[in-house]
Amino acid sequence: MAKIIICALLCVAMFGSMAAAASGGCREANGTSPVSGSCDAYIECKNGVAEEKLCPDGLLYNEKSTGYPCGYPIDVECTQAQSRLQAAQPTEDCPHQFGYFRKGDAGNCGQFMNCDAGRGFVFDCPEGLAWNPATYKCDWPDQVEDCDAEAFLGFRCPALAPKSELLGEQEADYTFHPSQDNCQVYFICIEGRPRRIGCGEDQAFNQELKQCDDIENVPNCSSAIREKGAQIKAARLHAKKN
């Protein structure tokens, strides 16, 4: 009886090996799997027939995807040893056929380009923010490694006063500074690097409070800005009543 069971188990193992060999390396009859040593190649199996494929230039194989198997590098964790990628296929617009890329130099960090099949589409980050290639998001310029926040924002943080044993340490490691061009804008300097903050349309930066305030409480705004702010505030109050 024991010999019969052992023979049966051997037959099952041999049948499994033959089935795997017949499937051309497929782990499942239908699905995808990675190619050893590559981050943008993959094996696609259809009805047990395997075919090696490449993701489009700029995309990587995403083993965790339940749909299209290729994704942006930020969404893919490729841990292949000595991984290789296909040669880039740049166009006049794009460094790769697909992907997101910053447009501009270190002093012009606020635009990025979405490349789709080699065609580039340019987008602007919200004012005061820079494109962060590490996160694929618009971010504070001081958080973007290759962005010159001072040049980009047109504002340089003043040097911090030296610490004094008599006065003690500084209360905060950030300071507030009004914009010289727009009373509705101010800068926060964090560790010597600026961030641009815009107040609402009916508000302005109050230097005494170090925050945005009703525009009527900020005397250094021009009459035109104050009038426009009053109109916007009145329109909002009217809309709330209705």
C-alpha atoms as a PDB file:
ATOM      1  CA  MET A   1       0.000   0.000   0.000  1.00  0.00           C
ATOM      2  CA  ALA A   2       2.830   2.381   0.889  1.00  0.00           C
ATOM      3  CA  LYS A   3       4.498   1.650  -2.462  1.00  0.00           C
ATOM      4  CA  ILE A   4       1.273   2.530  -4.313  1.00  0.00           C
ATOM      5  CA  ILE A   5       0.988   5.908  -2.507  1.00  0.00           C
ATOM      6  CA  ILE A   6       4.636   6.745  -3.230  1.00  0.00           C
ATOM      7  CA  CYS A   7       4.197   5.896  -6.909  1.00  0.00           C
ATOM      8  CA  ALA A   8       1.083   8.041  -7.070  1.00  0.00           C
ATOM      9  CA  LEU A   9       2.895  11.002  -5.558  1.00  0.00           C
ATOM     10  CA  LEU A  10       5.765  10.598  -8.015  1.00  0.00           C
ATOM     11  CA  CYS A  11       3.338  10.540 -10.915  1.00  0.00           C
ATOM     12  CA  VAL A  12       1.654  13.741  -9.698  1.00  0.00           C
ATOM     13  CA  ALA A  13       5.036  15.479  -9.359  1.00  0.00           C
ATOM     14  CA  MET A  14       6.104  14.357 -12.841  1.00  0.00           C
ATOM     15  CA  PHE A  15       2.779  15.470 -14.317  1.00  0.00           C
ATOM     16  CA  GLY A  16       3.148  18.888 -12.665  1.00  0.00           C
ATOM     17  CA  SER A  17       6.654  19.309 -14.042  1.00  0.00           C
ATOM     18  CA  MET A  18       5.507  18.336 -17.538  1.00  0.00           C
ATOM     19  CA  ALA A  19       2.578  20.764 -17.332  1.00  0.00           C
ATOM     20  CA  ALA A  20       4.881  23.606 -16.277  1.00  0.00           C
ATOM     21  CA  ALA A  21       7.238  22.805 -19.125  1.00  0.00           C
ATOM     22  CA  ALA A  22       4.362  22.665 -21.606  1.00  0.00           C
ATOM     23  CA  SER A  23       3.133  26.067 -20.430  1.00  0.00           C
ATOM     24  CA  GLY A  24       6.365  27.710 -21.600  1.00  0.00           C
ATOM     25  CA  GLY A  25       7.382  29.009 -18.181  1.00  0.00           C
ATOM     26  CA  CYS A  26       3.930  30.263 -17.167  1.00  0.00           C
ATOM     27  CA  ARG A  27       3.141  30.158 -13.476  1.00  0.00           C
ATOM     28  CA  GLU A  28      -0.545  30.416 -14.399  1.00  0.00           C
ATOM     29  CA  ALA A  29      -2.385  29.871 -17.646  1.00  0.00           C
ATOM     30  CA  ASN A  30      -3.186  33.573 -17.881  1.00  0.00           C
ATOM     31  CA  GLY A  31      -1.264  36.410 -16.251  1.00  0.00           C
ATOM     32  CA  THR A  32       2.102  38.126 -16.175  1.00  0.00           C
ATOM     33  CA  SER A  33       5.400  37.635 -14.392  1.00  0.00           C
ATOM     34  CA  PRO A  34       8.751  39.482 -14.236  1.00  0.00           C
ATOM     35  CA  VAL A  35      11.792  38.798 -16.391  1.00  0.00           C
ATOM     36  CA  SER A  36      14.947  38.161 -14.409  1.00  0.00           C
ATOM     37  CA  GLY A  37      17.357  41.112 -14.522  1.00  0.00           C
ATOM     38  CA  SER A  38      14.912  43.555 -16.115  1.00  0.00           C
ATOM     39  CA  CYS A  39      12.576  46.204 -14.754  1.00  0.00           C
ATOM     40  CA  ASP A  40      10.607  46.940 -17.912  1.00  0.00           C
ATOM     41  CA  ALA A  41      10.272  43.464 -19.471  1.00  0.00           C
ATOM     42  CA  TYR A  42       7.701  40.864 -18.466  1.00  0.00           C
ATOM     43  CA  ILE A  43       6.259  37.506 -19.456  1.00  0.00           C
ATOM     44  CA  GLU A  44       2.635  37.488 -20.556  1.00  0.00           C
ATOM     45  CA  CYS A  45       0.823  34.159 -20.538  1.00  0.00           C
ATOM     46  CA  LYS A  46      -2.345  33.556 -22.534  1.00  0.00           C
ATOM     47  CA  ASN A  47      -3.912  30.125 -22.318  1.00  0.00           C
ATOM     48  CA  GLY A  48      -0.600  28.760 -21.092  1.00  0.00           C
ATOM     49  CA  VAL A  49       1.446  30.240 -23.944  1.00  0.00           C
ATOM     50  CA  ALA A  50       4.239  32.568 -22.772  1.00  0.00           C
ATOM     51  CA  GLU A  51       5.469  35.640 -24.647  1.00  0.00           C
ATOM     52  CA  GLU A  52       8.118  38.099 -23.467  1.00  0.00           C
ATOM     53  CA  LYS A  53       7.096  41.753 -23.823  1.00  0.00           C
ATOM     54  CA  LEU A  54       8.491  45.196 -23.067  1.00  0.00           C
ATOM     55  CA  CYS A  55       6.687  48.037 -21.351  1.00  0.00           C
ATOM     56  CA  PRO A  56       6.567  51.266 -23.357  1.00  0.00           C
ATOM     57  CA  ASP A  57       9.659  53.454 -22.951  1.00  0.00           C
ATOM     58  CA  GLY A  58       9.497  55.288 -19.611  1.00  0.00           C
ATOM     59  CA  LEU A  59       7.251  52.741 -17.881  1.00  0.00           C
ATOM     60  CA  LEU A  60       8.210  49.766 -15.701  1.00  0.00           C
ATOM     61  CA  TYR A  61       6.625  46.381 -15.139  1.00  0.00           C
ATOM     62  CA  ASN A  62       4.342  46.429 -12.103  1.00  0.00           C
ATOM     63  CA  GLU A  63       3.943  42.916 -10.753  1.00  0.00           C
ATOM     64  CA  LYS A  64       1.262  44.091  -8.286  1.00  0.00           C
ATOM     65  CA  SER A  65      -0.991  45.564 -10.963  1.00  0.00           C
ATOM     66  CA  THR A  66      -4.317  43.827 -11.513  1.00  0.00           C
ATOM     67  CA  GLY A  67      -4.865  45.560 -14.841  1.00  0.00           C
ATOM     68  CA  TYR A  68      -2.386  46.964 -17.334  1.00  0.00           C
ATOM     69  CA  PRO A  69       0.995  45.557 -16.206  1.00  0.00           C
ATOM     70  CA  CYS A  70       3.115  48.691 -16.818  1.00  0.00           C
ATOM     71  CA  GLY A  71       3.221  51.796 -14.640  1.00  0.00           C
ATOM     72  CA  TYR A  72       5.153  54.954 -13.804  1.00  0.00           C
ATOM     73  CA  PRO A  73       8.469  54.374 -11.978  1.00  0.00           C
ATOM     74  CA  ILE A  74       7.169  56.039  -8.807  1.00  0.00           C
ATOM     75  CA  ASP A  75       4.470  53.354  -8.518  1.00  0.00           C
ATOM     76  CA  VAL A  76       6.801  50.426  -9.179  1.00  0.00           C
ATOM     77  CA  GLU A  77       9.294  48.838  -6.813  1.00  0.00           C
ATOM     78  CA  CYS A  78      11.906  47.137  -8.972  1.00  0.00           C
ATOM     79  CA  THR A  79      14.451  45.183  -6.947  1.00  0.00           C
ATOM     80  CA  GLN A  80      15.967  43.195  -9.790  1.00  0.00           C
ATOM     81  CA  ALA A  81      19.711  42.689  -9.398  1.00  0.00           C
ATOM     82  CA  GLN A  82      21.699  44.483 -12.134  1.00  0.00           C
ATOM     83  CA  SER A  83      18.420  45.552 -13.693  1.00  0.00           C
ATOM     84  CA  ARG A  84      18.548  46.742 -17.249  1.00  0.00           C
ATOM     85  CA  LEU A  85      16.198  49.035 -19.127  1.00  0.00           C
ATOM     86  CA  GLN A  86      15.544  49.454 -22.804  1.00  0.00           C
ATOM     87  CA  ALA A  87      17.230  52.384 -24.531  1.00  0.00           C
ATOM     88  CA  ALA A  88      15.357  55.690 -24.245  1.00  0.00           C
ATOM     89  CA  GLN A  89      13.272  56.745 -27.231  1.00  0.00           C
ATOM     90  CA  PRO A  90      13.332  60.557 -26.918  1.00  0.00           C
ATOM     91  CA  THR A  91      11.360  62.932 -29.101  1.00  0.00           C
ATOM     92  CA  GLU A  92      11.619  66.655 -29.681  1.00  0.00           C
ATOM     93  CA  ASP A  93       9.343  67.172 -26.656  1.00  0.00           C
ATOM     94  CA  CYS A  94      10.171  64.310 -24.321  1.00  0.00           C
ATOM     95  CA  PRO A  95      13.178  62.429 -22.902  1.00  0.00           C
ATOM     96  CA  HIS A  96      11.046  59.254 -22.836  1.00  0.00           C
ATOM     97  CA  GLN A  97       7.880  58.178 -24.603  1.00  0.00           C
ATOM     98  CA  PHE A  98       5.923  58.141 -21.345  1.00  0.00           C
ATOM     99  CA  GLY A  99       6.332  59.835 -17.977  1.00  0.00           C
ATOM    100  CA  TYR A 100       6.209  63.071 -16.015  1.00  0.00           C
ATOM    101  CA  PHE A 101       9.167  65.436 -16.224  1.00  0.00           C
ATOM    102  CA  ARG A 102      10.003  68.894 -14.901  1.00  0.00           C
ATOM    103  CA  LYS A 103      10.185  71.630 -17.488  1.00  0.00           C
ATOM    104  CA  GLY A 104      12.683  74.408 -16.813  1.00  0.00           C
ATOM    105  CA  ASP A 105      15.849  74.897 -14.810  1.00  0.00           C
ATOM    106  CA  ALA A 106      16.499  75.250 -11.068  1.00  0.00           C
ATOM    107  CA  GLY A 107      15.138  78.800 -11.082  1.00  0.00           C
ATOM    108  CA  ASN A 108      11.998  77.880 -13.026  1.00  0.00           C
ATOM    109  CA  CYS A 109      10.570  74.873 -11.208  1.00  0.00           C
ATOM    110  CA  GLY A 110       6.844  75.480 -11.484  1.00  0.00           C
ATOM    111  CA  GLN A 111       6.039  73.594 -14.685  1.00  0.00           C
ATOM    112  CA  PHE A 112       5.999  69.920 -15.561  1.00  0.00           C
ATOM    113  CA  MET A 113       5.323  67.907 -18.681  1.00  0.00           C
ATOM    114  CA  ASN A 114       3.272  64.782 -19.154  1.00  0.00           C
ATOM    115  CA  CYS A 115       4.675  62.730 -22.019  1.00  0.00           C
ATOM    116  CA  ASP A 116       2.216  60.435 -23.763  1.00  0.00           C
ATOM    117  CA  ALA A 117       3.555  58.436 -26.710  1.00  0.00           C
ATOM    118  CA  GLY A 118       6.333  60.997 -27.138  1.00  0.00           C
ATOM    119  CA  ARG A 119       4.042  64.025 -27.161  1.00  0.00           C
ATOM    120  CA  GLY A 120       4.520  66.497 -24.324  1.00  0.00           C
ATOM    121  CA  PHE A 121       1.699  68.312 -22.540  1.00  0.00           C
ATOM    122  CA  VAL A 122       2.824  71.175 -20.274  1.00  0.00           C
ATOM    123  CA  PHE A 123       1.090  71.950 -16.970  1.00  0.00           C
ATOM    124  CA  ASP A 124       1.605  74.659 -14.336  1.00  0.00           C
ATOM    125  CA  CYS A 125       1.786  74.006 -10.614  1.00  0.00           C
ATOM    126  CA  PRO A 126      -0.322  76.328  -8.427  1.00  0.00           C
ATOM    127  CA  GLU A 127       1.475  79.618  -7.895  1.00  0.00           C
ATOM    128  CA  GLY A 128       4.330  79.324  -5.436  1.00  0.00           C
ATOM    129  CA  LEU A 129       4.667  75.540  -5.784  1.00  0.00           C
ATOM    130  CA  ALA A 130       7.294  73.562  -7.697  1.00  0.00           C
ATOM    131  CA  TRP A 131       7.179  70.208  -9.458  1.00  0.00           C
ATOM    132  CA  ASN A 132       8.755  67.487  -7.351  1.00  0.00           C
ATOM    133  CA  PRO A 133      10.034  64.603  -9.515  1.00  0.00           C
ATOM    134  CA  ALA A 134      10.543  62.476  -6.393  1.00  0.00           C
ATOM    135  CA  THR A 135       6.814  62.471  -5.568  1.00  0.00           C
ATOM    136  CA  TYR A 136       5.169  63.343  -8.913  1.00  0.00           C
ATOM    137  CA  LYS A 137       3.398  66.207  -7.143  1.00  0.00           C
ATOM    138  CA  CYS A 138       3.570  69.971  -6.868  1.00  0.00           C
ATOM    139  CA  ASP A 139       5.354  70.800  -3.623  1.00  0.00           C
ATOM    140  CA  TRP A 140       6.923  73.627  -1.618  1.00  0.00           C
ATOM    141  CA  PRO A 141      10.039  74.617  -3.583  1.00  0.00           C
ATOM    142  CA  ASP A 142      12.266  74.210  -0.520  1.00  0.00           C
ATOM    143  CA  GLN A 143      11.212  70.555  -0.470  1.00  0.00           C
ATOM    144  CA  VAL A 144      12.348  69.979  -4.071  1.00  0.00           C
ATOM    145  CA  GLU A 145      15.989  68.927  -4.151  1.00  0.00           C
ATOM    146  CA  ASP A 146      17.014  70.554  -7.432  1.00  0.00           C
ATOM    147  CA  CYS A 147      14.880  73.705  -7.180  1.00  0.00           C
ATOM    148  CA  ASP A 148      16.408  77.064  -6.216  1.00  0.00           C
ATOM    149  CA  ALA A 149      13.560  78.305  -4.025  1.00  0.00           C
ATOM    150  CA  GLU A 150      14.940  81.862  -3.735  1.00  0.00           C
ATOM    151  CA  ALA A 151      15.391  82.300  -7.487  1.00  0.00           C
ATOM    152  CA  PHE A 152      12.061  80.653  -8.259  1.00  0.00           C
ATOM    153  CA  LEU A 153      10.037  82.796  -5.821  1.00  0.00           C
ATOM    154  CA  GLY A 154      12.057  85.969  -6.292  1.00  0.00           C
ATOM    155  CA  PHE A 155      12.589  86.332  -2.563  1.00  0.00           C
ATOM    156  CA  ARG A 156      15.661  85.774  -0.434  1.00  0.00           C
ATOM    157  CA  CYS A 157      15.270  85.167   3.272  1.00  0.00           C
ATOM    158  CA  PRO A 158      17.145  87.623   5.497  1.00  0.00           C
ATOM    159  CA  ALA A 159      19.906  86.187   7.628  1.00  0.00           C
ATOM    160  CA  LEU A 160      18.792  85.128  11.077  1.00  0.00           C
ATOM    161  CA  ALA A 161      20.110  87.162  13.981  1.00  0.00           C
ATOM    162  CA  PRO A 162      22.923  85.363  15.785  1.00  0.00           C
ATOM    163  CA  LYS A 163      21.939  83.639  18.987  1.00  0.00           C
ATOM    164  CA  SER A 164      22.803  85.470  22.152  1.00  0.00           C
ATOM    165  CA  GLU A 165      23.445  84.027  25.569  1.00  0.00           C
ATOM    166  CA  LEU A 166      21.731  87.068  27.069  1.00  0.00           C
ATOM    167  CA  LEU A 167      18.611  86.878  24.903  1.00  0.00           C
ATOM    168  CA  GLY A 168      18.448  83.106  24.842  1.00  0.00           C
ATOM    169  CA  GLU A 169      17.644  80.970  21.855  1.00  0.00           C
ATOM    170  CA  GLN A 170      15.288  82.115  19.139  1.00  0.00           C
ATOM    171  CA  GLU A 171      11.627  81.398  19.777  1.00  0.00           C
ATOM    172  CA  ALA A 172      11.051  79.862  16.347  1.00  0.00           C
ATOM    173  CA  ASP A 173      13.062  78.572  13.432  1.00  0.00           C
ATOM    174  CA  TYR A 174      10.758  80.293  10.929  1.00  0.00           C
ATOM    175  CA  THR A 175       9.988  83.940  10.209  1.00  0.00           C
ATOM    176  CA  PHE A 176       7.267  85.876   8.355  1.00  0.00           C
ATOM    177  CA  HIS A 177       7.912  88.529   5.710  1.00  0.00           C
ATOM    178  CA  PRO A 178       5.485  90.610   3.630  1.00  0.00           C
ATOM    179  CA  SER A 179       5.827  90.717  -0.131  1.00  0.00           C
ATOM    180  CA  GLN A 180       7.104  94.064  -1.374  1.00  0.00           C
ATOM    181  CA  ASP A 181       4.933  93.818  -4.494  1.00  0.00           C
ATOM    182  CA  ASN A 182       1.619  92.424  -3.280  1.00  0.00           C
ATOM    183  CA  CYS A 183      -0.032  93.006   0.104  1.00  0.00           C
ATOM    184  CA  GLN A 184      -2.024  89.808  -0.349  1.00  0.00           C
ATOM    185  CA  VAL A 185       1.117  87.671  -0.403  1.00  0.00           C
ATOM    186  CA  TYR A 186       3.730  86.883   2.235  1.00  0.00           C
ATOM    187  CA  PHE A 187       6.678  84.552   2.705  1.00  0.00           C
ATOM    188  CA  ILE A 188       7.527  82.115   5.457  1.00  0.00           C
ATOM    189  CA  CYS A 189      11.222  81.449   5.819  1.00  0.00           C
ATOM    190  CA  ILE A 190      11.925  77.956   7.139  1.00  0.00           C
ATOM    191  CA  GLU A 191      15.575  77.208   7.873  1.00  0.00           C
ATOM    192  CA  GLY A 192      16.518  80.095   5.621  1.00  0.00           C
ATOM    193  CA  ARG A 193      14.433  79.045   2.599  1.00  0.00           C
ATOM    194  CA  PRO A 194      11.179  80.762   1.551  1.00  0.00           C
ATOM    195  CA  ARG A 195       7.653  79.568   0.944  1.00  0.00           C
ATOM    196  CA  ARG A 196       5.137  81.798  -0.798  1.00  0.00           C
ATOM    197  CA  ILE A 197       1.686  82.066   0.832  1.00  0.00           C
ATOM    198  CA  GLY A 198      -1.243  83.792  -0.836  1.00  0.00           C
ATOM    199  CA  CYS A 199      -4.185  85.188   1.125  1.00  0.00           C
ATOM    200  CA  GLY A 200      -7.759  85.015  -0.107  1.00  0.00           C
ATOM    201  CA  GLU A 201      -9.099  87.551  -2.586  1.00  0.00           C
ATOM    202  CA  ASP A 202     -10.704  89.575   0.178  1.00  0.00           C
ATOM    203  CA  GLN A 203      -7.777  89.252   2.597  1.00  0.00           C
ATOM    204  CA  ALA A 204      -4.237  90.579   2.984  1.00  0.00           C
ATOM    205  CA  PHE A 205      -1.198  89.897   5.133  1.00  0.00           C
ATOM    206  CA  ASN A 206      -1.339  91.611   8.509  1.00  0.00           C
ATOM    207  CA  GLN A 207       2.252  92.127   9.668  1.00  0.00           C
ATOM    208  CA  GLU A 208       1.256  92.586  13.301  1.00  0.00           C
ATOM    209  CA  LEU A 209      -0.750  89.363  13.444  1.00  0.00           C
ATOM    210  CA  LYS A 210       1.621  87.530  11.064  1.00  0.00           C
ATOM    211  CA  GLN A 211      -1.304  86.018   9.207  1.00  0.00           C
ATOM    212  CA  CYS A 212      -3.950  86.819   6.618  1.00  0.00           C
ATOM    213  CA  ASP A 213      -6.654  89.210   7.801  1.00  0.00           C
ATOM    214  CA  ASP A 214      -9.638  91.116   6.429  1.00  0.00           C
ATOM    215  CA  ILE A 215      -8.300  93.441   3.797  1.00  0.00           C
ATOM    216  CA  GLU A 216      -9.901  96.413   5.545  1.00  0.00           C
ATOM    217  CA  ASN A 217      -7.563  95.831   8.485  1.00  0.00           C
ATOM    218  CA  VAL A 218      -4.414  96.091   6.349  1.00  0.00           C
ATOM    219  CA  PRO A 219      -3.612  99.746   5.662  1.00  0.00           C
ATOM    220  CA  ASN A 220      -0.695  99.188   3.272  1.00  0.00           C
ATOM    221  CA  CYS A 221      -2.898  97.771   0.489  1.00  0.00           C
ATOM    222  CA  SER A 222      -3.644 100.062  -2.438  1.00  0.00           C
ATOM    223  CA  SER A 223      -7.104 101.587  -2.762  1.00  0.00           C
ATOM    224  CA  ALA A 224      -7.772  99.468  -5.862  1.00  0.00           C
ATOM    225  CA  ILE A 225      -7.006  96.198  -4.031  1.00  0.00           C
ATOM    226  CA  ARG A 226      -9.038  97.301  -1.010  1.00  0.00           C
ATOM    227  CA  GLU A 227     -12.016  98.202  -3.209  1.00  0.00           C
ATOM    228  CA  LYS A 228     -11.850  94.901  -5.078  1.00  0.00           C
ATOM    229  CA  GLY A 229     -11.605  92.993  -1.788  1.00  0.00           C
ATOM    230  CA  ALA A 230     -14.631  94.813  -0.394  1.00  0.00           C
ATOM    231  CA  GLN A 231     -16.645  93.939  -3.517  1.00  0.00           C
ATOM    232  CA  ILE A 232     -15.711  90.250  -3.258  1.00  0.00           C
ATOM    233  CA  LYS A 233     -16.564  90.158   0.437  1.00  0.00           C
ATOM    234  CA  ALA A 234     -19.938  91.833  -0.202  1.00  0.00           C
ATOM    235  CA  ALA A 235     -20.707  89.373  -3.011  1.00  0.00           C
ATOM    236  CA  ARG A 236     -19.936  86.412  -0.738  1.00  0.00           C
ATOM    237  CA  LEU A 237     -22.142  87.757   2.037  1.00  0.00           C
ATOM    238  CA  HIS A 238     -24.964  88.311  -0.451  1.00  0.00           C
ATOM    239  CA  ALA A 239     -24.596  84.732  -1.762  1.00  0.00           C
ATOM    240  CA  LYS A 240     -24.797  83.322   1.781  1.00  0.00           C
ATOM    241  CA  LYS A 241     -28.044  85.200   2.466  1.00  0.00           C
ATOM    242  CA  ASN A 242     -29.593  83.774  -0.675  1.00  0.00           C
END
